[in-house]
């Protein structure tokens, strides 16, 4: 196996070589309350100090309001690890969060059923 040059630490057979808990520094509890539908968006403020390449990836994904679930999917990381990364960026002022607006925009039942059908077909 050749070492990666500038790409992610991936191996075709083994998958991600850097384990998710390493990405979050071993932390499993975010400092900011986020659920999967919470929206996050970059403020344009650059974090002070070094946070890590995943944090930069998050900022690139959050130029427009993006759900926590979407960020986790794009990063291919577990939601809890993604929430820790997002919390780091909220804490340093690089991201803002907004809770989902369930009251004014309730989830469409047909959309949820379509997602469930898709998941059932995939599993």
C-alpha atoms as a PDB file:
ATOM      1  CA  UNK A   1       0.000   0.000   0.000  1.00  0.00           C
ATOM      2  CA  UNK A   2       1.370   3.377  -0.999  1.00  0.00           C
ATOM      3  CA  UNK A   3       1.073   6.292   1.369  1.00  0.00           C
ATOM      4  CA  UNK A   4      -1.340   9.022   0.260  1.00  0.00           C
ATOM      5  CA  UNK A   5       0.221  12.198  -1.069  1.00  0.00           C
ATOM      6  CA  UNK A   6      -2.355  14.958  -0.658  1.00  0.00           C
ATOM      7  CA  UNK A   7      -5.584  12.990  -0.443  1.00  0.00           C
ATOM      8  CA  UNK A   8      -7.564  11.622   2.469  1.00  0.00           C
ATOM      9  CA  UNK A   9      -6.179   8.735   4.439  1.00  0.00           C
ATOM     10  CA  UNK A  10      -8.146   6.012   2.689  1.00  0.00           C
ATOM     11  CA  UNK A  11      -7.341   2.476   1.708  1.00  0.00           C
ATOM     12  CA  UNK A  12      -9.541   0.678  -0.819  1.00  0.00           C
ATOM     13  CA  UNK A  13      -9.736  -2.473   1.280  1.00  0.00           C
ATOM     14  CA  UNK A  14      -9.635  -1.051   4.806  1.00  0.00           C
ATOM     15  CA  UNK A  15     -11.516   2.234   4.316  1.00  0.00           C
ATOM     16  CA  UNK A  16     -10.648   5.278   6.405  1.00  0.00           C
ATOM     17  CA  UNK A  17      -7.263   4.821   8.085  1.00  0.00           C
ATOM     18  CA  UNK A  18      -7.770   7.631  10.600  1.00  0.00           C
ATOM     19  CA  UNK A  19     -10.469   6.446  12.967  1.00  0.00           C
ATOM     20  CA  UNK A  20     -13.371   8.812  13.666  1.00  0.00           C
ATOM     21  CA  UNK A  21     -12.570   9.174  17.367  1.00  0.00           C
ATOM     22  CA  UNK A  22      -9.128  10.476  16.353  1.00  0.00           C
ATOM     23  CA  UNK A  23     -10.728  13.191  14.227  1.00  0.00           C
ATOM     24  CA  UNK A  24     -12.608  14.489  17.270  1.00  0.00           C
ATOM     25  CA  UNK A  25      -9.640  14.134  19.604  1.00  0.00           C
ATOM     26  CA  UNK A  26     -11.363  11.273  21.410  1.00  0.00           C
ATOM     27  CA  UNK A  27     -14.298  13.490  22.383  1.00  0.00           C
ATOM     28  CA  UNK A  28     -17.816  12.113  22.044  1.00  0.00           C
ATOM     29  CA  UNK A  29     -19.864  14.990  23.457  1.00  0.00           C
ATOM     30  CA  UNK A  30     -20.325  18.224  21.526  1.00  0.00           C
ATOM     31  CA  UNK A  31     -20.367  21.468  23.501  1.00  0.00           C
ATOM     32  CA  UNK A  32     -23.248  22.820  21.397  1.00  0.00           C
ATOM     33  CA  UNK A  33     -26.710  21.237  21.327  1.00  0.00           C
ATOM     34  CA  UNK A  34     -27.254  20.056  17.744  1.00  0.00           C
ATOM     35  CA  UNK A  35     -29.666  17.588  16.228  1.00  0.00           C
ATOM     36  CA  UNK A  36     -29.406  16.071  12.766  1.00  0.00           C
ATOM     37  CA  UNK A  37     -31.741  18.670  11.263  1.00  0.00           C
ATOM     38  CA  UNK A  38     -30.012  21.693  12.844  1.00  0.00           C
ATOM     39  CA  UNK A  39     -28.715  24.098  10.233  1.00  0.00           C
ATOM     40  CA  UNK A  40     -25.137  25.358  10.362  1.00  0.00           C
ATOM     41  CA  UNK A  41     -23.559  28.152   8.327  1.00  0.00           C
ATOM     42  CA  UNK A  42     -20.137  29.722   8.113  1.00  0.00           C
ATOM     43  CA  UNK A  43     -19.825  33.228   9.559  1.00  0.00           C
ATOM     44  CA  UNK A  44     -16.754  34.103   7.501  1.00  0.00           C
ATOM     45  CA  UNK A  45     -14.639  34.329  10.666  1.00  0.00           C
ATOM     46  CA  UNK A  46     -11.462  32.284  10.487  1.00  0.00           C
ATOM     47  CA  UNK A  47     -10.757  30.134  13.544  1.00  0.00           C
ATOM     48  CA  UNK A  48      -7.709  31.125  15.549  1.00  0.00           C
ATOM     49  CA  UNK A  49      -5.126  28.382  15.859  1.00  0.00           C
ATOM     50  CA  UNK A  50      -4.978  25.001  14.208  1.00  0.00           C
ATOM     51  CA  UNK A  51      -8.100  22.864  14.339  1.00  0.00           C
ATOM     52  CA  UNK A  52      -7.473  20.205  11.695  1.00  0.00           C
ATOM     53  CA  UNK A  53      -8.225  19.415   8.059  1.00  0.00           C
ATOM     54  CA  UNK A  54     -11.727  18.130   8.828  1.00  0.00           C
ATOM     55  CA  UNK A  55     -12.629  21.511  10.313  1.00  0.00           C
ATOM     56  CA  UNK A  56     -11.585  23.170   7.037  1.00  0.00           C
ATOM     57  CA  UNK A  57     -13.697  20.654   5.135  1.00  0.00           C
ATOM     58  CA  UNK A  58     -16.679  21.535   7.346  1.00  0.00           C
ATOM     59  CA  UNK A  59     -16.264  25.250   6.680  1.00  0.00           C
ATOM     60  CA  UNK A  60     -16.197  24.572   2.939  1.00  0.00           C
ATOM     61  CA  UNK A  61     -19.465  22.623   3.196  1.00  0.00           C
ATOM     62  CA  UNK A  62     -21.208  25.284   5.272  1.00  0.00           C
ATOM     63  CA  UNK A  63     -21.000  28.329   3.008  1.00  0.00           C
ATOM     64  CA  UNK A  64     -24.806  28.121   2.776  1.00  0.00           C
ATOM     65  CA  UNK A  65     -27.128  26.788   5.505  1.00  0.00           C
ATOM     66  CA  UNK A  66     -26.527  23.036   5.694  1.00  0.00           C
ATOM     67  CA  UNK A  67     -27.999  20.399   8.006  1.00  0.00           C
ATOM     68  CA  UNK A  68     -25.816  18.477  10.424  1.00  0.00           C
ATOM     69  CA  UNK A  69     -26.919  15.259   8.695  1.00  0.00           C
ATOM     70  CA  UNK A  70     -25.749  16.566   5.312  1.00  0.00           C
ATOM     71  CA  UNK A  71     -22.356  17.592   6.705  1.00  0.00           C
ATOM     72  CA  UNK A  72     -21.922  14.147   8.299  1.00  0.00           C
ATOM     73  CA  UNK A  73     -22.858  12.461   5.022  1.00  0.00           C
ATOM     74  CA  UNK A  74     -20.466  14.580   2.971  1.00  0.00           C
ATOM     75  CA  UNK A  75     -17.610  13.975   5.419  1.00  0.00           C
ATOM     76  CA  UNK A  76     -18.481  10.273   5.721  1.00  0.00           C
ATOM     77  CA  UNK A  77     -18.177  10.523   9.484  1.00  0.00           C
ATOM     78  CA  UNK A  78     -20.546   9.411  12.240  1.00  0.00           C
ATOM     79  CA  UNK A  79     -23.003  12.110  13.312  1.00  0.00           C
ATOM     80  CA  UNK A  80     -21.567  12.350  16.839  1.00  0.00           C
ATOM     81  CA  UNK A  81     -18.059  13.028  15.490  1.00  0.00           C
ATOM     82  CA  UNK A  82     -19.462  15.597  13.071  1.00  0.00           C
ATOM     83  CA  UNK A  83     -21.315  17.310  15.920  1.00  0.00           C
ATOM     84  CA  UNK A  84     -18.052  17.598  17.870  1.00  0.00           C
ATOM     85  CA  UNK A  85     -16.318  19.187  14.868  1.00  0.00           C
ATOM     86  CA  UNK A  86     -19.241  21.567  14.342  1.00  0.00           C
ATOM     87  CA  UNK A  87     -19.233  22.473  18.043  1.00  0.00           C
ATOM     88  CA  UNK A  88     -15.546  23.376  17.836  1.00  0.00           C
ATOM     89  CA  UNK A  89     -16.329  25.780  15.006  1.00  0.00           C
ATOM     90  CA  UNK A  90     -19.367  27.252  16.779  1.00  0.00           C
ATOM     91  CA  UNK A  91     -17.264  27.784  19.919  1.00  0.00           C
ATOM     92  CA  UNK A  92     -14.649  29.795  18.000  1.00  0.00           C
ATOM     93  CA  UNK A  93     -17.259  31.840  16.118  1.00  0.00           C
ATOM     94  CA  UNK A  94     -16.648  30.339  12.671  1.00  0.00           C
ATOM     95  CA  UNK A  95     -20.156  28.786  12.433  1.00  0.00           C
ATOM     96  CA  UNK A  96     -23.639  29.782  13.488  1.00  0.00           C
ATOM     97  CA  UNK A  97     -26.440  27.324  14.185  1.00  0.00           C
ATOM     98  CA  UNK A  98     -30.174  27.459  13.808  1.00  0.00           C
ATOM     99  CA  UNK A  99     -32.602  24.908  15.151  1.00  0.00           C
ATOM    100  CA  UNK A 100     -34.952  23.360  12.605  1.00  0.00           C
ATOM    101  CA  UNK A 101     -38.274  25.162  12.285  1.00  0.00           C
ATOM    102  CA  UNK A 102     -40.695  22.284  12.860  1.00  0.00           C
ATOM    103  CA  UNK A 103     -43.612  24.551  13.749  1.00  0.00           C
ATOM    104  CA  UNK A 104     -43.689  26.561  10.516  1.00  0.00           C
ATOM    105  CA  UNK A 105     -42.260  23.873   8.259  1.00  0.00           C
ATOM    106  CA  UNK A 106     -43.414  20.472   9.473  1.00  0.00           C
ATOM    107  CA  UNK A 107     -41.802  17.479   7.827  1.00  0.00           C
ATOM    108  CA  UNK A 108     -43.771  16.192   4.876  1.00  0.00           C
ATOM    109  CA  UNK A 109     -44.951  12.637   5.590  1.00  0.00           C
ATOM    110  CA  UNK A 110     -44.556  11.581   1.944  1.00  0.00           C
ATOM    111  CA  UNK A 111     -40.919  12.706   2.003  1.00  0.00           C
ATOM    112  CA  UNK A 112     -40.244  10.676   5.142  1.00  0.00           C
ATOM    113  CA  UNK A 113     -41.926   7.634   3.607  1.00  0.00           C
ATOM    114  CA  UNK A 114     -39.812   7.975   0.452  1.00  0.00           C
ATOM    115  CA  UNK A 115     -36.637   8.131   2.546  1.00  0.00           C
ATOM    116  CA  UNK A 116     -37.731   5.082   4.533  1.00  0.00           C
ATOM    117  CA  UNK A 117     -38.490   3.159   1.320  1.00  0.00           C
ATOM    118  CA  UNK A 118     -35.057   4.068  -0.039  1.00  0.00           C
ATOM    119  CA  UNK A 119     -33.347   2.897   3.125  1.00  0.00           C
ATOM    120  CA  UNK A 120     -35.262  -0.387   3.113  1.00  0.00           C
ATOM    121  CA  UNK A 121     -34.243  -1.058  -0.505  1.00  0.00           C
ATOM    122  CA  UNK A 122     -30.618  -0.318   0.295  1.00  0.00           C
ATOM    123  CA  UNK A 123     -30.428  -2.548   3.358  1.00  0.00           C
END
